[in-house]
Amino acid sequence: MKYMVSMFVLVTFLSAQNFVRDRKHDVVLDTDLHVMWQDNVDVKWRDMSYDDAREYCNTMQLAGYDDWRLPKLSTLKRIVVSENYPMTIVNVFE
């Protein structure tokens, strides 16, 4: 049992170290893929259609950038950690 807990903590730590939170700009940086994720109250509980989400990204200005886009599915899967249920994204996100 101790081994399983240790492995879980290690895996969680290793997966989380690829992500860095920038509290000043309310974004999370993926240091492996060199992408940035919005992580603020503007999107926390907002439901949108795909087209509305694309338009939102196309007009968004955040953290000094205006070239935001929706992630590809493979990129989106990098932040999903099913063991974190019910909040199934990497713990660095708020």
PDB file of N, CA and C in Angstrom:
ATOM      1  N   MET A   1       0.828  -1.195   0.000  1.00  0.00           N
ATOM      2  CA  MET A   1       0.000   0.000   0.000  1.00  0.00           C
ATOM      3  C   MET A   1       0.869   1.255   0.000  1.00  0.00           C
ATOM      4  N   LYS A   2       1.916   1.255   0.835  1.00  0.00           N
ATOM      5  CA  LYS A   2       2.830   2.397   0.877  1.00  0.00           C
ATOM      6  C   LYS A   2       3.456   2.648  -0.490  1.00  0.00           C
ATOM      7  N   TYR A   3       3.804   1.556  -1.173  1.00  0.00           N
ATOM      8  CA  TYR A   3       4.419   1.649  -2.497  1.00  0.00           C
ATOM      9  C   TYR A   3       3.458   2.311  -3.479  1.00  0.00           C
ATOM     10  N   MET A   4       2.182   1.918  -3.444  1.00  0.00           N
ATOM     11  CA  MET A   4       1.188   2.485  -4.358  1.00  0.00           C
ATOM     12  C   MET A   4       1.014   3.978  -4.107  1.00  0.00           C
ATOM     13  N   VAL A   5       0.954   4.375  -2.861  1.00  0.00           N
ATOM     14  CA  VAL A   5       0.809   5.791  -2.524  1.00  0.00           C
ATOM     15  C   VAL A   5       2.042   6.560  -2.989  1.00  0.00           C
ATOM     16  N   SER A   6       3.218   6.001  -2.754  1.00  0.00           N
ATOM     17  CA  SER A   6       4.454   6.659  -3.187  1.00  0.00           C
ATOM     18  C   SER A   6       4.497   6.814  -4.698  1.00  0.00           C
ATOM     19  N   MET A   7       4.086   5.774  -5.418  1.00  0.00           N
ATOM     20  CA  MET A   7       4.073   5.842  -6.882  1.00  0.00           C
ATOM     21  C   MET A   7       3.066   6.879  -7.360  1.00  0.00           C
ATOM     22  N   PHE A   8       1.906   6.947  -6.727  1.00  0.00           N
ATOM     23  CA  PHE A   8       0.897   7.932  -7.106  1.00  0.00           C
ATOM     24  C   PHE A   8       1.431   9.349  -6.907  1.00  0.00           C
ATOM     25  N   VAL A   9       2.063   9.591  -5.780  1.00  0.00           N
ATOM     26  CA  VAL A   9       2.629  10.914  -5.498  1.00  0.00           C
ATOM     27  C   VAL A   9       3.721  11.241  -6.507  1.00  0.00           C
ATOM     28  N   LEU A  10       4.564  10.283  -6.825  1.00  0.00           N
ATOM     29  CA  LEU A  10       5.638  10.496  -7.786  1.00  0.00           C
ATOM     30  C   LEU A  10       5.086  10.803  -9.175  1.00  0.00           C
ATOM     31  N   VAL A  11       4.117  10.028  -9.632  1.00  0.00           N
ATOM     32  CA  VAL A  11       3.520  10.255 -10.949  1.00  0.00           C
ATOM     33  C   VAL A  11       2.832  11.613 -10.994  1.00  0.00           C
ATOM     34  N   THR A  12       2.111  11.955  -9.943  1.00  0.00           N
ATOM     35  CA  THR A  12       1.446  13.257  -9.888  1.00  0.00           C
ATOM     36  C   THR A  12       2.476  14.379  -9.934  1.00  0.00           C
ATOM     37  N   PHE A  13       3.557  14.240  -9.186  1.00  0.00           N
ATOM     38  CA  PHE A  13       4.605  15.259  -9.175  1.00  0.00           C
ATOM     39  C   PHE A  13       5.255  15.379 -10.543  1.00  0.00           C
ATOM     40  N   LEU A  14       5.584  14.251 -11.160  1.00  0.00           N
ATOM     41  CA  LEU A  14       6.247  14.290 -12.460  1.00  0.00           C
ATOM     42  C   LEU A  14       5.360  14.890 -13.532  1.00  0.00           C
ATOM     43  N   SER A  15       4.070  14.574 -13.502  1.00  0.00           N
ATOM     44  CA  SER A  15       3.180  15.139 -14.513  1.00  0.00           C
ATOM     45  C   SER A  15       2.938  16.619 -14.262  1.00  0.00           C
ATOM     46  N   ALA A  16       2.917  17.039 -13.013  1.00  0.00           N
ATOM     47  CA  ALA A  16       2.645  18.439 -12.695  1.00  0.00           C
ATOM     48  C   ALA A  16       3.848  19.333 -12.955  1.00  0.00           C
ATOM     49  N   GLN A  17       5.054  18.773 -12.957  1.00  0.00           N
ATOM     50  CA  GLN A  17       6.213  19.633 -13.117  1.00  0.00           C
ATOM     51  C   GLN A  17       6.350  20.171 -14.529  1.00  0.00           C
ATOM     52  N   ASN A  18       5.608  19.645 -15.497  1.00  0.00           N
ATOM     53  CA  ASN A  18       5.624  20.163 -16.857  1.00  0.00           C
ATOM     54  C   ASN A  18       4.723  21.380 -16.999  1.00  0.00           C
ATOM     55  N   PHE A  19       4.026  21.733 -15.947  1.00  0.00           N
ATOM     56  CA  PHE A  19       3.093  22.853 -15.969  1.00  0.00           C
ATOM     57  C   PHE A  19       3.494  23.869 -14.906  1.00  0.00           C
ATOM     58  N   VAL A  20       3.471  25.138 -15.289  1.00  0.00           N
ATOM     59  CA  VAL A  20       3.845  26.218 -14.378  1.00  0.00           C
ATOM     60  C   VAL A  20       2.727  27.246 -14.377  1.00  0.00           C
ATOM     61  N   ARG A  21       2.267  27.602 -13.211  1.00  0.00           N
ATOM     62  CA  ARG A  21       1.193  28.593 -13.093  1.00  0.00           C
ATOM     63  C   ARG A  21       1.779  29.999 -13.061  1.00  0.00           C
ATOM     64  N   ASP A  22       1.222  30.888 -13.863  1.00  0.00           N
ATOM     65  CA  ASP A  22       1.568  32.309 -13.855  1.00  0.00           C
ATOM     66  C   ASP A  22       0.381  33.037 -13.235  1.00  0.00           C
ATOM     67  N   ARG A  23       0.459  33.280 -11.941  1.00  0.00           N
ATOM     68  CA  ARG A  23      -0.662  33.893 -11.211  1.00  0.00           C
ATOM     69  C   ARG A  23      -0.930  35.329 -11.650  1.00  0.00           C
ATOM     70  N   LYS A  24       0.089  36.027 -12.056  1.00  0.00           N
ATOM     71  CA  LYS A  24      -0.084  37.417 -12.478  1.00  0.00           C
ATOM     72  C   LYS A  24      -1.011  37.521 -13.692  1.00  0.00           C
ATOM     73  N   HIS A  25      -0.890  36.554 -14.611  1.00  0.00           N
ATOM     74  CA  HIS A  25      -1.668  36.594 -15.850  1.00  0.00           C
ATOM     75  C   HIS A  25      -2.807  35.580 -15.893  1.00  0.00           C
ATOM     76  N   ASP A  26      -2.976  34.784 -14.842  1.00  0.00           N
ATOM     77  CA  ASP A  26      -4.026  33.752 -14.793  1.00  0.00           C
ATOM     78  C   ASP A  26      -3.928  32.780 -15.959  1.00  0.00           C
ATOM     79  N   VAL A  27      -2.722  32.269 -16.165  1.00  0.00           N
ATOM     80  CA  VAL A  27      -2.498  31.269 -17.201  1.00  0.00           C
ATOM     81  C   VAL A  27      -1.633  30.151 -16.623  1.00  0.00           C
ATOM     82  N   VAL A  28      -1.655  29.007 -17.313  1.00  0.00           N
ATOM     83  CA  VAL A  28      -0.788  27.886 -16.982  1.00  0.00           C
ATOM     84  C   VAL A  28       0.048  27.597 -18.218  1.00  0.00           C
ATOM     85  N   LEU A  29       1.355  27.477 -18.024  1.00  0.00           N
ATOM     86  CA  LEU A  29       2.275  27.207 -19.122  1.00  0.00           C
ATOM     87  C   LEU A  29       2.608  25.723 -19.151  1.00  0.00           C
ATOM     88  N   ASP A  30       2.538  25.119 -20.329  1.00  0.00           N
ATOM     89  CA  ASP A  30       3.004  23.753 -20.542  1.00  0.00           C
ATOM     90  C   ASP A  30       4.422  23.888 -21.081  1.00  0.00           C
ATOM     91  N   THR A  31       5.407  23.582 -20.245  1.00  0.00           N
ATOM     92  CA  THR A  31       6.797  23.803 -20.626  1.00  0.00           C
ATOM     93  C   THR A  31       7.324  22.768 -21.607  1.00  0.00           C
ATOM     94  N   ASP A  32       6.609  21.661 -21.800  1.00  0.00           N
ATOM     95  CA  ASP A  32       7.012  20.674 -22.805  1.00  0.00           C
ATOM     96  C   ASP A  32       6.549  21.088 -24.199  1.00  0.00           C
ATOM     97  N   LEU A  33       5.288  21.454 -24.313  1.00  0.00           N
ATOM     98  CA  LEU A  33       4.721  21.806 -25.618  1.00  0.00           C
ATOM     99  C   LEU A  33       4.832  23.293 -25.932  1.00  0.00           C
ATOM    100  N   HIS A  34       5.223  24.078 -24.932  1.00  0.00           N
ATOM    101  CA  HIS A  34       5.333  25.534 -25.101  1.00  0.00           C
ATOM    102  C   HIS A  34       3.997  26.141 -25.516  1.00  0.00           C
ATOM    103  N   VAL A  35       2.964  25.750 -24.787  1.00  0.00           N
ATOM    104  CA  VAL A  35       1.639  26.339 -24.986  1.00  0.00           C
ATOM    105  C   VAL A  35       1.169  26.927 -23.663  1.00  0.00           C
ATOM    106  N   MET A  36       0.189  27.799 -23.762  1.00  0.00           N
ATOM    107  CA  MET A  36      -0.340  28.495 -22.596  1.00  0.00           C
ATOM    108  C   MET A  36      -1.835  28.211 -22.514  1.00  0.00           C
ATOM    109  N   TRP A  37      -2.311  27.977 -21.295  1.00  0.00           N
ATOM    110  CA  TRP A  37      -3.723  27.713 -21.049  1.00  0.00           C
ATOM    111  C   TRP A  37      -4.325  28.860 -20.253  1.00  0.00           C
ATOM    112  N   GLN A  38      -5.473  29.342 -20.676  1.00  0.00           N
ATOM    113  CA  GLN A  38      -6.200  30.332 -19.883  1.00  0.00           C
ATOM    114  C   GLN A  38      -6.748  29.630 -18.646  1.00  0.00           C
ATOM    115  N   ASP A  39      -6.618  30.258 -17.491  1.00  0.00           N
ATOM    116  CA  ASP A  39      -7.134  29.670 -16.253  1.00  0.00           C
ATOM    117  C   ASP A  39      -7.597  30.788 -15.326  1.00  0.00           C
ATOM    118  N   ASN A  40      -8.723  31.387 -15.684  1.00  0.00           N
ATOM    119  CA  ASN A  40      -9.275  32.460 -14.849  1.00  0.00           C
ATOM    120  C   ASN A  40     -10.792  32.320 -14.771  1.00  0.00           C
ATOM    121  N   VAL A  41     -11.416  33.217 -14.046  1.00  0.00           N
ATOM    122  CA  VAL A  41     -12.858  33.113 -13.815  1.00  0.00           C
ATOM    123  C   VAL A  41     -13.677  33.292 -15.090  1.00  0.00           C
ATOM    124  N   ASP A  42     -13.106  33.893 -16.122  1.00  0.00           N
ATOM    125  CA  ASP A  42     -13.849  34.101 -17.367  1.00  0.00           C
ATOM    126  C   ASP A  42     -14.317  32.796 -18.003  1.00  0.00           C
ATOM    127  N   VAL A  43     -13.588  31.725 -17.792  1.00  0.00           N
ATOM    128  CA  VAL A  43     -13.941  30.456 -18.444  1.00  0.00           C
ATOM    129  C   VAL A  43     -14.227  29.324 -17.475  1.00  0.00           C
ATOM    130  N   LYS A  44     -14.125  29.598 -16.202  1.00  0.00           N
ATOM    131  CA  LYS A  44     -14.253  28.510 -15.233  1.00  0.00           C
ATOM    132  C   LYS A  44     -15.580  27.766 -15.323  1.00  0.00           C
ATOM    133  N   TRP A  45     -16.675  28.457 -15.451  1.00  0.00           N
ATOM    134  CA  TRP A  45     -17.987  27.801 -15.467  1.00  0.00           C
ATOM    135  C   TRP A  45     -18.785  28.166 -16.713  1.00  0.00           C
ATOM    136  N   ARG A  46     -18.127  28.535 -17.776  1.00  0.00           N
ATOM    137  CA  ARG A  46     -18.810  28.974 -18.989  1.00  0.00           C
ATOM    138  C   ARG A  46     -18.989  27.807 -19.957  1.00  0.00           C
ATOM    139  N   ASP A  47     -20.220  27.616 -20.427  1.00  0.00           N
ATOM    140  CA  ASP A  47     -20.505  26.629 -21.468  1.00  0.00           C
ATOM    141  C   ASP A  47     -20.636  27.362 -22.789  1.00  0.00           C
ATOM    142  N   MET A  48     -19.981  26.838 -23.837  1.00  0.00           N
ATOM    143  CA  MET A  48     -20.043  27.448 -25.162  1.00  0.00           C
ATOM    144  C   MET A  48     -20.089  26.361 -26.212  1.00  0.00           C
ATOM    145  N   SER A  49     -20.656  26.720 -27.340  1.00  0.00           N
ATOM    146  CA  SER A  49     -20.572  25.832 -28.495  1.00  0.00           C
ATOM    147  C   SER A  49     -19.144  25.898 -29.038  1.00  0.00           C
ATOM    148  N   TYR A  50     -18.801  24.978 -29.904  1.00  0.00           N
ATOM    149  CA  TYR A  50     -17.472  24.976 -30.509  1.00  0.00           C
ATOM    150  C   TYR A  50     -17.226  26.279 -31.267  1.00  0.00           C
ATOM    151  N   ASP A  51     -18.211  26.699 -32.056  1.00  0.00           N
ATOM    152  CA  ASP A  51     -18.059  27.938 -32.830  1.00  0.00           C
ATOM    153  C   ASP A  51     -17.907  29.155 -31.926  1.00  0.00           C
ATOM    154  N   ASP A  52     -18.682  29.206 -30.847  1.00  0.00           N
ATOM    155  CA  ASP A  52     -18.562  30.319 -29.902  1.00  0.00           C
ATOM    156  C   ASP A  52     -17.192  30.316 -29.217  1.00  0.00           C
ATOM    157  N   ALA A  53     -16.699  29.132 -28.895  1.00  0.00           N
ATOM    158  CA  ALA A  53     -15.383  29.025 -28.263  1.00  0.00           C
ATOM    159  C   ALA A  53     -14.278  29.477 -29.222  1.00  0.00           C
ATOM    160  N   ARG A  54     -14.399  29.114 -30.488  1.00  0.00           N
ATOM    161  CA  ARG A  54     -13.419  29.576 -31.488  1.00  0.00           C
ATOM    162  C   ARG A  54     -13.434  31.091 -31.596  1.00  0.00           C
ATOM    163  N   GLU A  55     -14.619  31.670 -31.647  1.00  0.00           N
ATOM    164  CA  GLU A  55     -14.738  33.124 -31.735  1.00  0.00           C
ATOM    165  C   GLU A  55     -14.171  33.786 -30.480  1.00  0.00           C
ATOM    166  N   TYR A  56     -14.442  33.203 -29.327  1.00  0.00           N
ATOM    167  CA  TYR A  56     -13.905  33.713 -28.061  1.00  0.00           C
ATOM    168  C   TYR A  56     -12.376  33.753 -28.119  1.00  0.00           C
ATOM    169  N   CYS A  57     -11.771  32.663 -28.580  1.00  0.00           N
ATOM    170  CA  CYS A  57     -10.307  32.602 -28.682  1.00  0.00           C
ATOM    171  C   CYS A  57      -9.771  33.599 -29.701  1.00  0.00           C
ATOM    172  N   ASN A  58     -10.472  33.735 -30.820  1.00  0.00           N
ATOM    173  CA  ASN A  58     -10.019  34.643 -31.878  1.00  0.00           C
ATOM    174  C   ASN A  58     -10.012  36.100 -31.443  1.00  0.00           C
ATOM    175  N   THR A  59     -10.847  36.454 -30.477  1.00  0.00           N
ATOM    176  CA  THR A  59     -10.929  37.849 -30.040  1.00  0.00           C
ATOM    177  C   THR A  59     -10.281  38.088 -28.674  1.00  0.00           C
ATOM    178  N   MET A  60      -9.773  37.039 -28.048  1.00  0.00           N
ATOM    179  CA  MET A  60      -9.228  37.153 -26.701  1.00  0.00           C
ATOM    180  C   MET A  60      -7.841  37.794 -26.699  1.00  0.00           C
ATOM    181  N   GLN A  61      -7.612  38.629 -25.711  1.00  0.00           N
ATOM    182  CA  GLN A  61      -6.287  39.175 -25.424  1.00  0.00           C
ATOM    183  C   GLN A  61      -6.003  38.879 -23.955  1.00  0.00           C
ATOM    184  N   LEU A  62      -4.961  38.100 -23.714  1.00  0.00           N
ATOM    185  CA  LEU A  62      -4.637  37.680 -22.352  1.00  0.00           C
ATOM    186  C   LEU A  62      -3.136  37.471 -22.242  1.00  0.00           C
ATOM    187  N   ALA A  63      -2.564  37.909 -21.148  1.00  0.00           N
ATOM    188  CA  ALA A  63      -1.137  37.711 -20.847  1.00  0.00           C
ATOM    189  C   ALA A  63      -0.236  38.290 -21.936  1.00  0.00           C
ATOM    190  N   GLY A  64      -0.715  39.338 -22.607  1.00  0.00           N
ATOM    191  CA  GLY A  64       0.082  39.980 -23.642  1.00  0.00           C
ATOM    192  C   GLY A  64       0.022  39.306 -25.001  1.00  0.00           C
ATOM    193  N   TYR A  65      -0.888  38.348 -25.171  1.00  0.00           N
ATOM    194  CA  TYR A  65      -1.008  37.623 -26.439  1.00  0.00           C
ATOM    195  C   TYR A  65      -2.406  37.800 -27.013  1.00  0.00           C
ATOM    196  N   ASP A  66      -2.474  37.801 -28.341  1.00  0.00           N
ATOM    197  CA  ASP A  66      -3.777  37.876 -29.007  1.00  0.00           C
ATOM    198  C   ASP A  66      -3.932  36.781 -30.063  1.00  0.00           C
ATOM    199  N   ASP A  67      -3.068  35.765 -30.014  1.00  0.00           N
ATOM    200  CA  ASP A  67      -3.119  34.675 -30.998  1.00  0.00           C
ATOM    201  C   ASP A  67      -3.595  33.361 -30.364  1.00  0.00           C
ATOM    202  N   TRP A  68      -4.634  33.446 -29.554  1.00  0.00           N
ATOM    203  CA  TRP A  68      -5.171  32.281 -28.859  1.00  0.00           C
ATOM    204  C   TRP A  68      -5.965  31.407 -29.824  1.00  0.00           C
ATOM    205  N   ARG A  69      -6.019  30.111 -29.524  1.00  0.00           N
ATOM    206  CA  ARG A  69      -6.783  29.156 -30.328  1.00  0.00           C
ATOM    207  C   ARG A  69      -7.259  28.028 -29.430  1.00  0.00           C
ATOM    208  N   LEU A  70      -8.202  27.251 -29.937  1.00  0.00           N
ATOM    209  CA  LEU A  70      -8.629  26.052 -29.213  1.00  0.00           C
ATOM    210  C   LEU A  70      -7.553  24.984 -29.362  1.00  0.00           C
ATOM    211  N   PRO A  71      -7.350  24.169 -28.336  1.00  0.00           N
ATOM    212  CA  PRO A  71      -6.317  23.131 -28.432  1.00  0.00           C
ATOM    213  C   PRO A  71      -6.779  21.962 -29.293  1.00  0.00           C
ATOM    214  N   LYS A  72      -5.799  21.263 -29.860  1.00  0.00           N
ATOM    215  CA  LYS A  72      -6.078  19.985 -30.513  1.00  0.00           C
ATOM    216  C   LYS A  72      -6.404  18.978 -29.410  1.00  0.00           C
ATOM    217  N   LEU A  73      -7.107  17.923 -29.762  1.00  0.00           N
ATOM    218  CA  LEU A  73      -7.499  16.920 -28.773  1.00  0.00           C
ATOM    219  C   LEU A  73      -6.277  16.322 -28.075  1.00  0.00           C
ATOM    220  N   SER A  74      -5.220  16.043 -28.820  1.00  0.00           N
ATOM    221  CA  SER A  74      -4.013  15.455 -28.214  1.00  0.00           C
ATOM    222  C   SER A  74      -3.384  16.404 -27.194  1.00  0.00           C
ATOM    223  N   THR A  75      -3.450  17.698 -27.450  1.00  0.00           N
ATOM    224  CA  THR A  75      -2.925  18.683 -26.507  1.00  0.00           C
ATOM    225  C   THR A  75      -3.820  18.764 -25.277  1.00  0.00           C
ATOM    226  N   LEU A  76      -5.117  18.746 -25.498  1.00  0.00           N
ATOM    227  CA  LEU A  76      -6.075  18.808 -24.395  1.00  0.00           C
ATOM    228  C   LEU A  76      -5.917  17.616 -23.453  1.00  0.00           C
ATOM    229  N   LYS A  77      -5.630  16.452 -24.005  1.00  0.00           N
ATOM    230  CA  LYS A  77      -5.480  15.246 -23.182  1.00  0.00           C
ATOM    231  C   LYS A  77      -4.303  15.337 -22.216  1.00  0.00           C
ATOM    232  N   ARG A  78      -3.335  16.194 -22.494  1.00  0.00           N
ATOM    233  CA  ARG A  78      -2.165  16.326 -21.606  1.00  0.00           C
ATOM    234  C   ARG A  78      -2.534  16.865 -20.235  1.00  0.00           C
ATOM    235  N   ILE A  79      -3.618  17.628 -20.150  1.00  0.00           N
ATOM    236  CA  ILE A  79      -3.975  18.209 -18.854  1.00  0.00           C
ATOM    237  C   ILE A  79      -4.999  17.365 -18.097  1.00  0.00           C
ATOM    238  N   VAL A  80      -5.473  16.292 -18.712  1.00  0.00           N
ATOM    239  CA  VAL A  80      -6.477  15.437 -18.074  1.00  0.00           C
ATOM    240  C   VAL A  80      -5.790  14.369 -17.228  1.00  0.00           C
ATOM    241  N   VAL A  81      -6.198  14.289 -15.977  1.00  0.00           N
ATOM    242  CA  VAL A  81      -5.682  13.273 -15.055  1.00  0.00           C
ATOM    243  C   VAL A  81      -6.899  12.655 -14.381  1.00  0.00           C
ATOM    244  N   SER A  82      -7.327  11.501 -14.853  1.00  0.00           N
ATOM    245  CA  SER A  82      -8.575  10.910 -14.365  1.00  0.00           C
ATOM    246  C   SER A  82      -8.523  10.585 -12.871  1.00  0.00           C
ATOM    247  N   GLU A  83      -7.337  10.403 -12.320  1.00  0.00           N
ATOM    248  CA  GLU A  83      -7.218  10.106 -10.889  1.00  0.00           C
ATOM    249  C   GLU A  83      -7.605  11.297 -10.016  1.00  0.00           C
ATOM    250  N   ASN A  84      -7.696  12.488 -10.600  1.00  0.00           N
ATOM    251  CA  ASN A  84      -8.039  13.690  -9.835  1.00  0.00           C
ATOM    252  C   ASN A  84      -9.544  13.912  -9.731  1.00  0.00           C
ATOM    253  N   TYR A  85     -10.359  12.918 -10.073  1.00  0.00           N
ATOM    254  CA  TYR A  85     -11.815  13.062 -10.082  1.00  0.00           C
ATOM    255  C   TYR A  85     -12.299  13.660  -8.768  1.00  0.00           C
ATOM    256  N   PRO A  86     -13.219  14.581  -8.745  1.00  0.00           N
ATOM    257  CA  PRO A  86     -14.048  15.075  -9.846  1.00  0.00           C
ATOM    258  C   PRO A  86     -13.402  16.194 -10.666  1.00  0.00           C
ATOM    259  N   MET A  87     -12.328  16.801 -10.183  1.00  0.00           N
ATOM    260  CA  MET A  87     -11.636  17.810 -10.984  1.00  0.00           C
ATOM    261  C   MET A  87     -10.524  17.104 -11.733  1.00  0.00           C
ATOM    262  N   THR A  88     -10.777  16.763 -12.973  1.00  0.00           N
ATOM    263  CA  THR A  88      -9.893  15.849 -13.682  1.00  0.00           C
ATOM    264  C   THR A  88      -8.834  16.530 -14.532  1.00  0.00           C
ATOM    265  N   ILE A  89      -8.365  17.681 -14.107  1.00  0.00           N
ATOM    266  CA  ILE A  89      -7.249  18.298 -14.807  1.00  0.00           C
ATOM    267  C   ILE A  89      -6.066  18.398 -13.858  1.00  0.00           C
ATOM    268  N   VAL A  90      -4.901  18.635 -14.417  1.00  0.00           N
ATOM    269  CA  VAL A  90      -3.674  18.730 -13.636  1.00  0.00           C
ATOM    270  C   VAL A  90      -3.876  19.723 -12.496  1.00  0.00           C
ATOM    271  N   ASN A  91      -3.378  19.388 -11.333  1.00  0.00           N
ATOM    272  CA  ASN A  91      -3.637  20.158 -10.111  1.00  0.00           C
ATOM    273  C   ASN A  91      -3.140  21.597 -10.134  1.00  0.00           C
ATOM    274  N   VAL A  92      -2.269  21.946 -11.051  1.00  0.00           N
ATOM    275  CA  VAL A  92      -1.762  23.319 -11.094  1.00  0.00           C
ATOM    276  C   VAL A  92      -2.855  24.307 -11.527  1.00  0.00           C
ATOM    277  N   PHE A  93      -3.885  23.794 -12.187  1.00  0.00           N
ATOM    278  CA  PHE A  93      -5.015  24.640 -12.573  1.00  0.00           C
ATOM    279  C   PHE A  93      -5.875  24.932 -11.350  1.00  0.00           C
ATOM    280  N   GLU A  94      -6.449  26.125 -11.320  1.00  0.00           N
ATOM    281  CA  GLU A  94      -7.335  26.495 -10.209  1.00  0.00           C
ATOM    282  C   GLU A  94      -8.723  26.394 -10.671  1.00  0.00           C
TER     283      GLU A  94
END
